[in-house]
Amino acid sequence: MGVLLAIILLVVNIPVYRFVFKLWFADEEDFNKSVRYSFTPDLFSLFKGKYIEDRIASAKLSFYIFVCLAIVGIEFGIVYGLITWIMG
């Protein structure tokens, strides 16, 4: 039951992910740049002179993923707790 609830919450929260996306990233290009920098080794960014930009973009993407998963985790705890309390 817990896995099914987690999957349902992951799907139902798509509008929330979009809202957080619009808060955190300027546009899709900003998001794509964050993904690109996340897969670029830090040494390459250092030699290109974009190390700080790489670290900030990678942190933005990591924080976005963390917030989305935290939202689902908190909702899961609340809903699962309510279900087990009601079911007794």
Protein backbone atom coordinates (compact mmCIF):
# COMPACT_ATOMS: atom_id res chain seq x y z
CA MET A 1 0.00 0.00 0.00
CA GLY A 2 2.84 2.39 0.77
CA VAL A 3 4.47 2.00 -2.65
CA LEU A 4 1.16 2.62 -4.42
CA LEU A 5 0.56 5.72 -2.31
CA ALA A 6 4.06 7.04 -3.12
CA ILE A 7 3.51 6.51 -6.85
CA ILE A 8 0.14 8.26 -6.71
CA LEU A 9 1.66 11.20 -4.85
CA LEU A 10 4.53 11.44 -7.35
CA VAL A 11 2.03 11.73 -10.22
CA VAL A 12 -0.51 13.97 -8.47
CA ASN A 13 2.20 16.48 -7.53
CA ILE A 14 3.22 17.29 -11.13
CA PRO A 15 1.57 20.76 -10.91
CA VAL A 16 3.49 21.39 -7.68
CA TYR A 17 6.76 20.44 -9.40
CA ARG A 18 5.96 22.91 -12.17
CA PHE A 19 5.25 25.65 -9.62
CA VAL A 20 8.55 25.02 -7.83
CA PHE A 21 10.29 24.90 -11.23
CA LYS A 22 8.99 28.37 -12.10
CA LEU A 23 10.13 29.70 -8.73
CA TRP A 24 13.60 28.24 -8.94
CA PHE A 25 14.59 28.43 -12.62
CA ALA A 26 14.33 31.48 -14.88
CA ASP A 27 13.33 29.40 -17.90
CA GLU A 28 13.88 26.00 -19.51
CA GLU A 29 17.30 27.07 -20.76
CA ASP A 30 18.37 27.75 -17.16
CA PHE A 31 17.19 24.25 -16.23
CA ASN A 32 18.95 22.68 -19.23
CA LYS A 33 22.15 24.53 -18.29
CA SER A 34 21.88 23.16 -14.74
CA VAL A 35 21.49 19.62 -16.06
CA ARG A 36 24.39 20.10 -18.47
CA TYR A 37 26.68 21.42 -15.73
CA SER A 38 25.66 18.57 -13.42
CA PHE A 39 27.07 16.06 -15.91
CA THR A 40 30.19 18.11 -16.71
CA PRO A 41 33.19 17.15 -14.57
CA ASP A 42 34.33 19.97 -12.29
CA LEU A 43 37.83 19.83 -13.73
CA PHE A 44 36.53 20.71 -17.21
CA SER A 45 34.55 23.62 -15.79
CA LEU A 46 37.63 24.80 -13.93
CA PHE A 47 39.71 24.87 -17.11
CA LYS A 48 36.91 26.66 -18.99
CA GLY A 49 36.74 29.28 -16.24
CA LYS A 50 33.17 28.39 -15.32
CA TYR A 51 33.73 26.49 -12.09
CA ILE A 52 31.60 28.78 -9.88
CA GLU A 53 28.80 28.86 -12.46
CA ASP A 54 28.97 25.04 -12.63
CA ARG A 55 28.72 24.68 -8.85
CA ILE A 56 25.77 27.10 -8.60
CA ALA A 57 23.88 25.43 -11.46
CA SER A 58 24.50 21.96 -10.02
CA ALA A 59 23.34 23.14 -6.59
CA LYS A 60 20.16 24.62 -8.09
CA LEU A 61 19.29 21.31 -9.74
CA SER A 62 20.08 19.32 -6.59
CA PHE A 63 17.98 21.65 -4.46
CA TYR A 64 15.06 21.41 -6.92
CA ILE A 65 15.15 17.60 -6.81
CA PHE A 66 15.44 17.64 -3.01
CA VAL A 67 12.44 19.99 -2.63
CA CYS A 68 10.28 17.88 -4.94
CA LEU A 69 11.15 14.69 -3.07
CA ALA A 70 10.70 16.38 0.31
CA ILE A 71 7.21 17.51 -0.68
CA VAL A 72 6.26 13.95 -1.61
CA GLY A 73 7.88 12.60 1.57
CA ILE A 74 6.00 14.99 3.84
CA GLU A 75 2.71 14.33 2.07
CA PHE A 76 3.36 10.59 2.26
CA GLY A 77 3.92 10.77 6.00
CA ILE A 78 0.75 12.76 6.56
CA VAL A 79 -1.50 10.70 4.29
CA TYR A 80 -0.10 7.35 5.40
CA GLY A 81 -0.45 8.38 9.05
CA LEU A 82 -4.06 9.42 8.49
CA ILE A 83 -4.88 6.19 6.68
CA THR A 84 -3.39 4.00 9.40
CA TRP A 85 -5.13 6.10 12.08
CA ILE A 86 -8.52 5.82 10.37
CA MET A 87 -8.10 2.11 9.64
CA GLY A 88 -7.26 1.68 13.29
